[in-house]
Amino acid sequence: MTDRSDAPGGGAAYRVHLCLGPNCTARGSRALLPLLEAAVARAGLGGRVEVLATTCRDRCDYGPSMNVYPGPVFYNLLDEGALEEIVARHLAGGEVADEWLFRPKPARTKPAGRSRVP
């Protein structure tokens, strides 16, 4: 989607990067691309939202993933329902869709008092 005539200054109000890297693709991102484009079109946002298929977003354990600019806002673990909500709330309504935000898993730490003997 490249028509950007509705945004101020002729640019898109939002640029959406959907990951089509190997891990996200294996988790279904390629099938999500036309669904995302259709949701944007149904919402009447074709002139305000530019959808781009991109390479790895470096959040492979959380795919499919997507970045929304300006921001960036990182969305992960996407499915068709997530896309519909993100289009309606974020791209059309200007409100971040909290449920789909990237939240890294807590890092594992070693229990206190235990040490490894080489």
PDB file of N, CA and C in Angstrom:
ATOM      1  N   MET A   1       0.852  -1.167   0.000  1.00  0.00           N
ATOM      2  CA  MET A   1       0.000   0.000   0.000  1.00  0.00           C
ATOM      3  C   MET A   1       0.895   1.226   0.000  1.00  0.00           C
ATOM      4  N   THR A   2       0.834   1.979  -1.070  1.00  0.00           N
ATOM      5  CA  THR A   2       1.737   3.104  -1.160  1.00  0.00           C
ATOM      6  C   THR A   2       1.045   4.432  -1.359  1.00  0.00           C
ATOM      7  N   ASP A   3      -0.267   4.480  -1.490  1.00  0.00           N
ATOM      8  CA  ASP A   3      -0.971   5.745  -1.616  1.00  0.00           C
ATOM      9  C   ASP A   3      -0.912   6.469  -0.283  1.00  0.00           C
ATOM     10  N   ARG A   4      -0.243   7.624  -0.269  1.00  0.00           N
ATOM     11  CA  ARG A   4      -0.060   8.344   0.983  1.00  0.00           C
ATOM     12  C   ARG A   4      -0.667   9.734   0.917  1.00  0.00           C
ATOM     13  N   SER A   5      -1.659   9.920   0.095  1.00  0.00           N
ATOM     14  CA  SER A   5      -2.193  11.247  -0.162  1.00  0.00           C
ATOM     15  C   SER A   5      -2.980  11.841   0.996  1.00  0.00           C
ATOM     16  N   ASP A   6      -3.496  11.037   1.921  1.00  0.00           N
ATOM     17  CA  ASP A   6      -4.332  11.558   3.000  1.00  0.00           C
ATOM     18  C   ASP A   6      -3.543  12.093   4.187  1.00  0.00           C
ATOM     19  N   ALA A   7      -2.278  11.745   4.323  1.00  0.00           N
ATOM     20  CA  ALA A   7      -1.493  12.152   5.476  1.00  0.00           C
ATOM     21  C   ALA A   7      -0.909  13.539   5.266  1.00  0.00           C
ATOM     22  N   PRO A   8      -0.683  14.280   6.363  1.00  0.00           N
ATOM     23  CA  PRO A   8      -0.083  15.603   6.238  1.00  0.00           C
ATOM     24  C   PRO A   8       1.265  15.510   5.534  1.00  0.00           C
ATOM     25  N   GLY A   9       1.530  16.428   4.635  1.00  0.00           N
ATOM     26  CA  GLY A   9       2.803  16.442   3.938  1.00  0.00           C
ATOM     27  C   GLY A   9       2.942  15.363   2.886  1.00  0.00           C
ATOM     28  N   GLY A  10       1.892  14.617   2.595  1.00  0.00           N
ATOM     29  CA  GLY A  10       1.939  13.581   1.568  1.00  0.00           C
ATOM     30  C   GLY A  10       2.530  12.270   2.031  1.00  0.00           C
ATOM     31  N   GLY A  11       2.937  12.146   3.290  1.00  0.00           N
ATOM     32  CA  GLY A  11       3.505  10.897   3.783  1.00  0.00           C
ATOM     33  C   GLY A  11       2.474  10.094   4.544  1.00  0.00           C
ATOM     34  N   ALA A  12       2.773   8.813   4.725  1.00  0.00           N
ATOM     35  CA  ALA A  12       1.867   7.943   5.481  1.00  0.00           C
ATOM     36  C   ALA A  12       1.860   8.368   6.948  1.00  0.00           C
ATOM     37  N   ALA A  13       0.698   8.301   7.586  1.00  0.00           N
ATOM     38  CA  ALA A  13       0.605   8.589   9.012  1.00  0.00           C
ATOM     39  C   ALA A  13       1.282   7.476   9.806  1.00  0.00           C
ATOM     40  N   TYR A  14       1.190   6.245   9.286  1.00  0.00           N
ATOM     41  CA  TYR A  14       1.818   5.086   9.920  1.00  0.00           C
ATOM     42  C   TYR A  14       2.535   4.262   8.876  1.00  0.00           C
ATOM     43  N   ARG A  15       3.634   3.706   9.280  1.00  0.00           N
ATOM     44  CA  ARG A  15       4.360   2.727   8.465  1.00  0.00           C
ATOM     45  C   ARG A  15       4.414   1.453   9.301  1.00  0.00           C
ATOM     46  N   VAL A  16       3.923   0.357   8.741  1.00  0.00           N
ATOM     47  CA  VAL A  16       3.827  -0.913   9.449  1.00  0.00           C
ATOM     48  C   VAL A  16       4.787  -1.910   8.806  1.00  0.00           C
ATOM     49  N   HIS A  17       5.675  -2.462   9.612  1.00  0.00           N
ATOM     50  CA  HIS A  17       6.641  -3.458   9.147  1.00  0.00           C
ATOM     51  C   HIS A  17       6.235  -4.820   9.698  1.00  0.00           C
ATOM     52  N   LEU A  18       5.775  -5.697   8.844  1.00  0.00           N
ATOM     53  CA  LEU A  18       5.417  -7.060   9.246  1.00  0.00           C
ATOM     54  C   LEU A  18       6.595  -7.970   8.900  1.00  0.00           C
ATOM     55  N   CYS A  19       7.078  -8.688   9.888  1.00  0.00           N
ATOM     56  CA  CYS A  19       8.246  -9.543   9.703  1.00  0.00           C
ATOM     57  C   CYS A  19       7.911 -10.761   8.838  1.00  0.00           C
ATOM     58  N   LEU A  20       8.735 -10.947   7.811  1.00  0.00           N
ATOM     59  CA  LEU A  20       8.660 -12.163   7.007  1.00  0.00           C
ATOM     60  C   LEU A  20       9.995 -12.905   7.075  1.00  0.00           C
ATOM     61  N   GLY A  21      10.681 -12.744   8.190  1.00  0.00           N
ATOM     62  CA  GLY A  21      11.906 -13.507   8.424  1.00  0.00           C
ATOM     63  C   GLY A  21      11.568 -14.982   8.571  1.00  0.00           C
ATOM     64  N   PRO A  22      12.581 -15.846   8.600  1.00  0.00           N
ATOM     65  CA  PRO A  22      12.322 -17.287   8.596  1.00  0.00           C
ATOM     66  C   PRO A  22      11.502 -17.785   9.781  1.00  0.00           C
ATOM     67  N   ASN A  23      11.730 -17.263  10.970  1.00  0.00           N
ATOM     68  CA  ASN A  23      10.984 -17.746  12.135  1.00  0.00           C
ATOM     69  C   ASN A  23       9.550 -17.245  12.150  1.00  0.00           C
ATOM     70  N   CYS A  24       9.354 -15.979  11.826  1.00  0.00           N
ATOM     71  CA  CYS A  24       7.988 -15.448  11.779  1.00  0.00           C
ATOM     72  C   CYS A  24       7.190 -16.077  10.641  1.00  0.00           C
ATOM     73  N   THR A  25       7.848 -16.304   9.500  1.00  0.00           N
ATOM     74  CA  THR A  25       7.163 -16.948   8.384  1.00  0.00           C
ATOM     75  C   THR A  25       6.715 -18.345   8.769  1.00  0.00           C
ATOM     76  N   ALA A  26       7.571 -19.075   9.470  1.00  0.00           N
ATOM     77  CA  ALA A  26       7.199 -20.420   9.927  1.00  0.00           C
ATOM     78  C   ALA A  26       6.022 -20.375  10.898  1.00  0.00           C
ATOM     79  N   ARG A  27       5.822 -19.247  11.557  1.00  0.00           N
ATOM     80  CA  ARG A  27       4.712 -19.077  12.499  1.00  0.00           C
ATOM     81  C   ARG A  27       3.500 -18.416  11.843  1.00  0.00           C
ATOM     82  N   GLY A  28       3.540 -18.227  10.514  1.00  0.00           N
ATOM     83  CA  GLY A  28       2.349 -17.778   9.803  1.00  0.00           C
ATOM     84  C   GLY A  28       2.311 -16.345   9.337  1.00  0.00           C
ATOM     85  N   SER A  29       3.413 -15.613   9.417  1.00  0.00           N
ATOM     86  CA  SER A  29       3.355 -14.197   9.045  1.00  0.00           C
ATOM     87  C   SER A  29       3.052 -13.977   7.565  1.00  0.00           C
ATOM     88  N   ARG A  30       3.510 -14.863   6.692  1.00  0.00           N
ATOM     89  CA  ARG A  30       3.249 -14.667   5.261  1.00  0.00           C
ATOM     90  C   ARG A  30       1.733 -14.672   4.996  1.00  0.00           C
ATOM     91  N   ALA A  31       1.000 -15.520   5.677  1.00  0.00           N
ATOM     92  CA  ALA A  31      -0.458 -15.561   5.513  1.00  0.00           C
ATOM     93  C   ALA A  31      -1.123 -14.327   6.128  1.00  0.00           C
ATOM     94  N   LEU A  32      -0.464 -13.686   7.094  1.00  0.00           N
ATOM     95  CA  LEU A  32      -1.037 -12.511   7.736  1.00  0.00           C
ATOM     96  C   LEU A  32      -0.919 -11.251   6.878  1.00  0.00           C
ATOM     97  N   LEU A  33       0.058 -11.209   5.987  1.00  0.00           N
ATOM     98  CA  LEU A  33       0.284 -10.003   5.185  1.00  0.00           C
ATOM     99  C   LEU A  33      -0.967  -9.579   4.400  1.00  0.00           C
ATOM    100  N   PRO A  34      -1.582 -10.465   3.607  1.00  0.00           N
ATOM    101  CA  PRO A  34      -2.792 -10.024   2.884  1.00  0.00           C
ATOM    102  C   PRO A  34      -3.958  -9.705   3.826  1.00  0.00           C
ATOM    103  N   LEU A  35      -4.002 -10.354   4.980  1.00  0.00           N
ATOM    104  CA  LEU A  35      -5.055 -10.053   5.956  1.00  0.00           C
ATOM    105  C   LEU A  35      -4.870  -8.659   6.537  1.00  0.00           C
ATOM    106  N   LEU A  36      -3.624  -8.300   6.809  1.00  0.00           N
ATOM    107  CA  LEU A  36      -3.324  -6.965   7.313  1.00  0.00           C
ATOM    108  C   LEU A  36      -3.672  -5.907   6.261  1.00  0.00           C
ATOM    109  N   GLU A  37      -3.270  -6.142   5.027  1.00  0.00           N
ATOM    110  CA  GLU A  37      -3.582  -5.197   3.952  1.00  0.00           C
ATOM    111  C   GLU A  37      -5.086  -5.037   3.775  1.00  0.00           C
ATOM    112  N   ALA A  38      -5.815  -6.138   3.872  1.00  0.00           N
ATOM    113  CA  ALA A  38      -7.278  -6.080   3.733  1.00  0.00           C
ATOM    114  C   ALA A  38      -7.915  -5.328   4.903  1.00  0.00           C
ATOM    115  N   ALA A  39      -7.426  -5.553   6.120  1.00  0.00           N
ATOM    116  CA  ALA A  39      -7.970  -4.858   7.297  1.00  0.00           C
ATOM    117  C   ALA A  39      -7.728  -3.356   7.190  1.00  0.00           C
ATOM    118  N   VAL A  40      -6.563  -2.970   6.714  1.00  0.00           N
ATOM    119  CA  VAL A  40      -6.247  -1.553   6.516  1.00  0.00           C
ATOM    120  C   VAL A  40      -7.192  -0.956   5.470  1.00  0.00           C
ATOM    121  N   ALA A  41      -7.406  -1.663   4.386  1.00  0.00           N
ATOM    122  CA  ALA A  41      -8.303  -1.182   3.331  1.00  0.00           C
ATOM    123  C   ALA A  41      -9.739  -1.071   3.835  1.00  0.00           C
ATOM    124  N   ARG A  42     -10.228  -2.099   4.562  1.00  0.00           N
ATOM    125  CA  ARG A  42     -11.597  -2.063   5.093  1.00  0.00           C
ATOM    126  C   ARG A  42     -11.811  -0.886   6.036  1.00  0.00           C
ATOM    127  N   ALA A  43     -10.750  -0.526   6.766  1.00  0.00           N
ATOM    128  CA  ALA A  43     -10.841   0.595   7.711  1.00  0.00           C
ATOM    129  C   ALA A  43     -10.721   1.943   7.007  1.00  0.00           C
ATOM    130  N   GLY A  44     -10.515   1.914   5.679  1.00  0.00           N
ATOM    131  CA  GLY A  44     -10.398   3.154   4.923  1.00  0.00           C
ATOM    132  C   GLY A  44      -9.082   3.880   5.164  1.00  0.00           C
ATOM    133  N   LEU A  45      -8.046   3.124   5.518  1.00  0.00           N
ATOM    134  CA  LEU A  45      -6.762   3.723   5.883  1.00  0.00           C
ATOM    135  C   LEU A  45      -5.685   3.577   4.820  1.00  0.00           C
ATOM    136  N   GLY A  46      -6.074   3.150   3.627  1.00  0.00           N
ATOM    137  CA  GLY A  46      -5.082   2.909   2.582  1.00  0.00           C
ATOM    138  C   GLY A  46      -4.179   4.086   2.303  1.00  0.00           C
ATOM    139  N   GLY A  47      -4.677   5.302   2.420  1.00  0.00           N
ATOM    140  CA  GLY A  47      -3.867   6.481   2.182  1.00  0.00           C
ATOM    141  C   GLY A  47      -3.082   6.944   3.384  1.00  0.00           C
ATOM    142  N   ARG A  48      -3.346   6.358   4.542  1.00  0.00           N
ATOM    143  CA  ARG A  48      -2.678   6.796   5.777  1.00  0.00           C
ATOM    144  C   ARG A  48      -1.720   5.761   6.346  1.00  0.00           C
ATOM    145  N   VAL A  49      -1.792   4.525   5.860  1.00  0.00           N
ATOM    146  CA  VAL A  49      -0.983   3.437   6.406  1.00  0.00           C
ATOM    147  C   VAL A  49      -0.220   2.758   5.276  1.00  0.00           C
ATOM    148  N   GLU A  50       1.082   2.675   5.432  1.00  0.00           N
ATOM    149  CA  GLU A  50       1.920   1.959   4.480  1.00  0.00           C
ATOM    150  C   GLU A  50       2.314   0.634   5.113  1.00  0.00           C
ATOM    151  N   VAL A  51       1.983  -0.470   4.466  1.00  0.00           N
ATOM    152  CA  VAL A  51       2.295  -1.810   4.964  1.00  0.00           C
ATOM    153  C   VAL A  51       3.492  -2.343   4.183  1.00  0.00           C
ATOM    154  N   LEU A  52       4.515  -2.761   4.915  1.00  0.00           N
ATOM    155  CA  LEU A  52       5.734  -3.279   4.298  1.00  0.00           C
ATOM    156  C   LEU A  52       6.069  -4.653   4.864  1.00  0.00           C
ATOM    157  N   ALA A  53       6.392  -5.583   3.976  1.00  0.00           N
ATOM    158  CA  ALA A  53       6.934  -6.882   4.392  1.00  0.00           C
ATOM    159  C   ALA A  53       8.426  -6.669   4.597  1.00  0.00           C
ATOM    160  N   THR A  54       8.935  -7.083   5.754  1.00  0.00           N
ATOM    161  CA  THR A  54      10.333  -6.825   6.079  1.00  0.00           C
ATOM    162  C   THR A  54      11.062  -8.101   6.463  1.00  0.00           C
ATOM    163  N   THR A  55      12.340  -7.944   6.663  1.00  0.00           N
ATOM    164  CA  THR A  55      13.155  -9.051   7.146  1.00  0.00           C
ATOM    165  C   THR A  55      13.031  -9.127   8.665  1.00  0.00           C
ATOM    166  N   CYS A  56      13.848  -9.936   9.262  1.00  0.00           N
ATOM    167  CA  CYS A  56      13.771 -10.243  10.685  1.00  0.00           C
ATOM    168  C   CYS A  56      13.680  -8.993  11.559  1.00  0.00           C
ATOM    169  N   ARG A  57      12.784  -9.034  12.525  1.00  0.00           N
ATOM    170  CA  ARG A  57      12.601  -7.964  13.507  1.00  0.00           C
ATOM    171  C   ARG A  57      13.377  -8.269  14.790  1.00  0.00           C
ATOM    172  N   ASP A  58      14.098  -9.383  14.807  1.00  0.00           N
ATOM    173  CA  ASP A  58      14.960  -9.790  15.924  1.00  0.00           C
ATOM    174  C   ASP A  58      14.184 -10.088  17.210  1.00  0.00           C
ATOM    175  N   ARG A  59      13.002 -10.657  17.052  1.00  0.00           N
ATOM    176  CA  ARG A  59      12.213 -11.121  18.194  1.00  0.00           C
ATOM    177  C   ARG A  59      11.645 -12.494  17.839  1.00  0.00           C
ATOM    178  N   CYS A  60      12.520 -13.355  17.389  1.00  0.00           N
ATOM    179  CA  CYS A  60      12.135 -14.627  16.780  1.00  0.00           C
ATOM    180  C   CYS A  60      11.288 -15.520  17.673  1.00  0.00           C
ATOM    181  N   ASP A  61      11.515 -15.483  18.977  1.00  0.00           N
ATOM    182  CA  ASP A  61      10.742 -16.331  19.891  1.00  0.00           C
ATOM    183  C   ASP A  61       9.329 -15.813  20.118  1.00  0.00           C
ATOM    184  N   TYR A  62       9.004 -14.668  19.548  1.00  0.00           N
ATOM    185  CA  TYR A  62       7.720 -14.020  19.810  1.00  0.00           C
ATOM    186  C   TYR A  62       6.912 -13.784  18.535  1.00  0.00           C
ATOM    187  N   GLY A  63       7.298 -14.426  17.448  1.00  0.00           N
ATOM    188  CA  GLY A  63       6.667 -14.175  16.159  1.00  0.00           C
ATOM    189  C   GLY A  63       5.303 -14.807  16.024  1.00  0.00           C
ATOM    190  N   PRO A  64       4.576 -14.349  15.035  1.00  0.00           N
ATOM    191  CA  PRO A  64       4.864 -13.286  14.098  1.00  0.00           C
ATOM    192  C   PRO A  64       4.921 -11.921  14.798  1.00  0.00           C
ATOM    193  N   SER A  65       5.828 -11.073  14.307  1.00  0.00           N
ATOM    194  CA  SER A  65       5.996  -9.757  14.912  1.00  0.00           C
ATOM    195  C   SER A  65       5.831  -8.646  13.886  1.00  0.00           C
ATOM    196  N   MET A  66       5.577  -7.442  14.424  1.00  0.00           N
ATOM    197  CA  MET A  66       5.306  -6.292  13.585  1.00  0.00           C
ATOM    198  C   MET A  66       5.727  -5.035  14.344  1.00  0.00           C
ATOM    199  N   ASN A  67       6.289  -4.079  13.627  1.00  0.00           N
ATOM    200  CA  ASN A  67       6.615  -2.772  14.192  1.00  0.00           C
ATOM    201  C   ASN A  67       5.714  -1.740  13.549  1.00  0.00           C
ATOM    202  N   VAL A  68       5.255  -0.781  14.343  1.00  0.00           N
ATOM    203  CA  VAL A  68       4.456   0.322  13.823  1.00  0.00           C
ATOM    204  C   VAL A  68       5.226   1.614  14.103  1.00  0.00           C
ATOM    205  N   TYR A  69       5.391   2.402  13.038  1.00  0.00           N
ATOM    206  CA  TYR A  69       6.044   3.706  13.149  1.00  0.00           C
ATOM    207  C   TYR A  69       5.036   4.769  12.780  1.00  0.00           C
ATOM    208  N   PRO A  70       5.052   5.970  13.429  1.00  0.00           N
ATOM    209  CA  PRO A  70       6.053   6.374  14.392  1.00  0.00           C
ATOM    210  C   PRO A  70       5.920   5.607  15.689  1.00  0.00           C
ATOM    211  N   GLY A  71       6.967   5.610  16.373  1.00  0.00           N
ATOM    212  CA  GLY A  71       7.111   4.890  17.630  1.00  0.00           C
ATOM    213  C   GLY A  71       8.585   4.660  17.865  1.00  0.00           C
ATOM    214  N   PRO A  72       9.056   3.499  17.658  1.00  0.00           N
ATOM    215  CA  PRO A  72       8.294   2.341  17.187  1.00  0.00           C
ATOM    216  C   PRO A  72       7.504   1.680  18.305  1.00  0.00           C
ATOM    217  N   VAL A  73       6.418   1.055  17.894  1.00  0.00           N
ATOM    218  CA  VAL A  73       5.620   0.212  18.777  1.00  0.00           C
ATOM    219  C   VAL A  73       5.811  -1.208  18.276  1.00  0.00           C
ATOM    220  N   PHE A  74       6.206  -2.102  19.160  1.00  0.00           N
ATOM    221  CA  PHE A  74       6.487  -3.488  18.797  1.00  0.00           C
ATOM    222  C   PHE A  74       5.322  -4.382  19.206  1.00  0.00           C
ATOM    223  N   TYR A  75       4.767  -5.096  18.222  1.00  0.00           N
ATOM    224  CA  TYR A  75       3.694  -6.052  18.477  1.00  0.00           C
ATOM    225  C   TYR A  75       4.195  -7.452  18.172  1.00  0.00           C
ATOM    226  N   ASN A  76       3.719  -8.434  18.946  1.00  0.00           N
ATOM    227  CA  ASN A  76       4.174  -9.802  18.783  1.00  0.00           C
ATOM    228  C   ASN A  76       3.063 -10.804  19.012  1.00  0.00           C
ATOM    229  N   LEU A  77       3.384 -12.068  18.660  1.00  0.00           N
ATOM    230  CA  LEU A  77       2.458 -13.198  18.812  1.00  0.00           C
ATOM    231  C   LEU A  77       1.151 -12.906  18.090  1.00  0.00           C
ATOM    232  N   LEU A  78       1.281 -12.413  16.868  1.00  0.00           N
ATOM    233  CA  LEU A  78       0.129 -11.941  16.105  1.00  0.00           C
ATOM    234  C   LEU A  78      -0.651 -13.066  15.447  1.00  0.00           C
ATOM    235  N   ASP A  79      -1.952 -12.825  15.324  1.00  0.00           N
ATOM    236  CA  ASP A  79      -2.850 -13.672  14.553  1.00  0.00           C
ATOM    237  C   ASP A  79      -3.855 -12.735  13.890  1.00  0.00           C
ATOM    238  N   GLU A  80      -4.824 -13.273  13.194  1.00  0.00           N
ATOM    239  CA  GLU A  80      -5.776 -12.432  12.476  1.00  0.00           C
ATOM    240  C   GLU A  80      -6.530 -11.497  13.427  1.00  0.00           C
ATOM    241  N   GLY A  81      -6.936 -12.001  14.575  1.00  0.00           N
ATOM    242  CA  GLY A  81      -7.642 -11.167  15.552  1.00  0.00           C
ATOM    243  C   GLY A  81      -6.786 -10.018  16.059  1.00  0.00           C
ATOM    244  N   ALA A  82      -5.492 -10.291  16.275  1.00  0.00           N
ATOM    245  CA  ALA A  82      -4.576  -9.238  16.711  1.00  0.00           C
ATOM    246  C   ALA A  82      -4.482  -8.139  15.667  1.00  0.00           C
ATOM    247  N   LEU A  83      -4.377  -8.537  14.407  1.00  0.00           N
ATOM    248  CA  LEU A  83      -4.283  -7.543  13.339  1.00  0.00           C
ATOM    249  C   LEU A  83      -5.527  -6.664  13.286  1.00  0.00           C
ATOM    250  N   GLU A  84      -6.697  -7.286  13.400  1.00  0.00           N
ATOM    251  CA  GLU A  84      -7.952  -6.517  13.374  1.00  0.00           C
ATOM    252  C   GLU A  84      -7.978  -5.503  14.513  1.00  0.00           C
ATOM    253  N   GLU A  85      -7.554  -5.926  15.698  1.00  0.00           N
ATOM    254  CA  GLU A  85      -7.549  -5.030  16.859  1.00  0.00           C
ATOM    255  C   GLU A  85      -6.523  -3.910  16.688  1.00  0.00           C
ATOM    256  N   ILE A  86      -5.337  -4.239  16.196  1.00  0.00           N
ATOM    257  CA  ILE A  86      -4.293  -3.234  15.999  1.00  0.00           C
ATOM    258  C   ILE A  86      -4.723  -2.209  14.953  1.00  0.00           C
ATOM    259  N   VAL A  87      -5.338  -2.668  13.879  1.00  0.00           N
ATOM    260  CA  VAL A  87      -5.818  -1.732  12.856  1.00  0.00           C
ATOM    261  C   VAL A  87      -6.888  -0.817  13.454  1.00  0.00           C
ATOM    262  N   ALA A  88      -7.851  -1.388  14.165  1.00  0.00           N
ATOM    263  CA  ALA A  88      -8.945  -0.589  14.717  1.00  0.00           C
ATOM    264  C   ALA A  88      -8.476   0.361  15.819  1.00  0.00           C
ATOM    265  N   ARG A  89      -7.710  -0.168  16.758  1.00  0.00           N
ATOM    266  CA  ARG A  89      -7.326   0.653  17.920  1.00  0.00           C
ATOM    267  C   ARG A  89      -6.151   1.570  17.637  1.00  0.00           C
ATOM    268  N   HIS A  90      -5.098   1.033  17.038  1.00  0.00           N
ATOM    269  CA  HIS A  90      -3.882   1.827  16.864  1.00  0.00           C
ATOM    270  C   HIS A  90      -3.904   2.641  15.577  1.00  0.00           C
ATOM    271  N   LEU A  91      -4.077   1.965  14.457  1.00  0.00           N
ATOM    272  CA  LEU A  91      -3.956   2.656  13.182  1.00  0.00           C
ATOM    273  C   LEU A  91      -5.139   3.578  12.895  1.00  0.00           C
ATOM    274  N   ALA A  92      -6.338   3.173  13.285  1.00  0.00           N
ATOM    275  CA  ALA A  92      -7.518   4.019  13.071  1.00  0.00           C
ATOM    276  C   ALA A  92      -7.782   4.928  14.263  1.00  0.00           C
ATOM    277  N   GLY A  93      -7.532   4.423  15.485  1.00  0.00           N
ATOM    278  CA  GLY A  93      -7.901   5.166  16.686  1.00  0.00           C
ATOM    279  C   GLY A  93      -6.770   5.863  17.410  1.00  0.00           C
ATOM    280  N   GLY A  94      -5.518   5.576  17.042  1.00  0.00           N
ATOM    281  CA  GLY A  94      -4.386   6.236  17.679  1.00  0.00           C
ATOM    282  C   GLY A  94      -4.040   5.739  19.063  1.00  0.00           C
ATOM    283  N   GLU A  95      -4.609   4.599  19.470  1.00  0.00           N
ATOM    284  CA  GLU A  95      -4.381   4.039  20.809  1.00  0.00           C
ATOM    285  C   GLU A  95      -3.654   2.703  20.673  1.00  0.00           C
ATOM    286  N   VAL A  96      -2.565   2.532  21.401  1.00  0.00           N
ATOM    287  CA  VAL A  96      -1.788   1.295  21.335  1.00  0.00           C
ATOM    288  C   VAL A  96      -2.646   0.120  21.792  1.00  0.00           C
ATOM    289  N   ALA A  97      -2.570  -0.989  21.070  1.00  0.00           N
ATOM    290  CA  ALA A  97      -3.303  -2.216  21.414  1.00  0.00           C
ATOM    291  C   ALA A  97      -2.444  -3.011  22.406  1.00  0.00           C
ATOM    292  N   ASP A  98      -2.584  -2.692  23.680  1.00  0.00           N
ATOM    293  CA  ASP A  98      -1.721  -3.215  24.748  1.00  0.00           C
ATOM    294  C   ASP A  98      -1.577  -4.726  24.769  1.00  0.00           C
ATOM    295  N   GLU A  99      -2.646  -5.430  24.491  1.00  0.00           N
ATOM    296  CA  GLU A  99      -2.628  -6.887  24.611  1.00  0.00           C
ATOM    297  C   GLU A  99      -1.564  -7.527  23.730  1.00  0.00           C
ATOM    298  N   TRP A 100      -1.213  -6.886  22.625  1.00  0.00           N
ATOM    299  CA  TRP A 100      -0.299  -7.480  21.649  1.00  0.00           C
ATOM    300  C   TRP A 100       1.101  -6.888  21.701  1.00  0.00           C
ATOM    301  N   LEU A 101       1.366  -6.018  22.680  1.00  0.00           N
ATOM    302  CA  LEU A 101       2.687  -5.417  22.799  1.00  0.00           C
ATOM    303  C   LEU A 101       3.753  -6.460  23.113  1.00  0.00           C
ATOM    304  N   PHE A 102       4.947  -6.213  22.615  1.00  0.00           N
ATOM    305  CA  PHE A 102       6.094  -7.064  22.893  1.00  0.00           C
ATOM    306  C   PHE A 102       6.452  -6.969  24.375  1.00  0.00           C
ATOM    307  N   ARG A 103       6.481  -8.112  25.013  1.00  0.00           N
ATOM    308  CA  ARG A 103       6.904  -8.222  26.409  1.00  0.00           C
ATOM    309  C   ARG A 103       7.887  -9.377  26.494  1.00  0.00           C
ATOM    310  N   PRO A 104       9.174  -9.054  26.618  1.00  0.00           N
ATOM    311  CA  PRO A 104      10.162 -10.139  26.652  1.00  0.00           C
ATOM    312  C   PRO A 104       9.956 -11.024  27.868  1.00  0.00           C
ATOM    313  N   LYS A 105      10.298 -12.276  27.688  1.00  0.00           N
ATOM    314  CA  LYS A 105      10.240 -13.212  28.806  1.00  0.00           C
ATOM    315  C   LYS A 105      11.307 -12.819  29.810  1.00  0.00           C
ATOM    316  N   PRO A 106      11.030 -12.988  31.108  1.00  0.00           N
ATOM    317  CA  PRO A 106      12.050 -12.649  32.098  1.00  0.00           C
ATOM    318  C   PRO A 106      13.308 -13.499  31.891  1.00  0.00           C
ATOM    319  N   ALA A 107      14.458 -12.865  32.075  1.00  0.00           N
ATOM    320  CA  ALA A 107      15.718 -13.592  31.938  1.00  0.00           C
ATOM    321  C   ALA A 107      15.871 -14.558  33.114  1.00  0.00           C
ATOM    322  N   ARG A 108      16.399 -15.711  32.821  1.00  0.00           N
ATOM    323  CA  ARG A 108      16.648 -16.676  33.889  1.00  0.00           C
ATOM    324  C   ARG A 108      17.886 -16.246  34.662  1.00  0.00           C
ATOM    325  N   THR A 109      17.791 -16.353  35.957  1.00  0.00           N
ATOM    326  CA  THR A 109      18.944 -16.038  36.794  1.00  0.00           C
ATOM    327  C   THR A 109      19.294 -17.253  37.617  1.00  0.00           C
ATOM    328  N   LYS A 110      20.535 -17.330  38.017  1.00  0.00           N
ATOM    329  CA  LYS A 110      20.978 -18.438  38.871  1.00  0.00           C
ATOM    330  C   LYS A 110      20.488 -18.194  40.286  1.00  0.00           C
ATOM    331  N   PRO A 111      20.058 -19.243  40.976  1.00  0.00           N
ATOM    332  CA  PRO A 111      19.650 -19.085  42.374  1.00  0.00           C
ATOM    333  C   PRO A 111      20.825 -18.591  43.212  1.00  0.00           C
ATOM    334  N   ALA A 112      20.556 -17.730  44.176  1.00  0.00           N
ATOM    335  CA  ALA A 112      21.602 -17.187  45.046  1.00  0.00           C
ATOM    336  C   ALA A 112      22.259 -18.296  45.847  1.00  0.00           C
ATOM    337  N   GLY A 113      23.556 -18.167  46.084  1.00  0.00           N
ATOM    338  CA  GLY A 113      24.268 -19.123  46.918  1.00  0.00           C
ATOM    339  C   GLY A 113      24.795 -20.332  46.191  1.00  0.00           C
ATOM    340  N   ARG A 114      24.409 -20.530  44.964  1.00  0.00           N
ATOM    341  CA  ARG A 114      24.919 -21.677  44.209  1.00  0.00           C
ATOM    342  C   ARG A 114      26.021 -21.214  43.266  1.00  0.00           C
ATOM    343  N   SER A 115      27.066 -21.933  43.258  1.00  0.00           N
ATOM    344  CA  SER A 115      28.146 -21.611  42.331  1.00  0.00           C
ATOM    345  C   SER A 115      28.589 -22.872  41.632  1.00  0.00           C
ATOM    346  N   ARG A 116      29.158 -22.687  40.527  1.00  0.00           N
ATOM    347  CA  ARG A 116      29.661 -23.805  39.740  1.00  0.00           C
ATOM    348  C   ARG A 116      31.143 -23.982  40.006  1.00  0.00           C
ATOM    349  N   VAL A 117      31.553 -25.179  40.239  1.00  0.00           N
ATOM    350  CA  VAL A 117      32.965 -25.458  40.440  1.00  0.00           C
ATOM    351  C   VAL A 117      33.507 -25.945  39.112  1.00  0.00           C
ATOM    352  N   PRO A 118      34.557 -25.297  38.614  1.00  0.00           N
ATOM    353  CA  PRO A 118      35.094 -25.729  37.318  1.00  0.00           C
ATOM    354  C   PRO A 118      35.777 -27.070  37.350  1.00  0.00           C
TER     355      PRO A 118
END
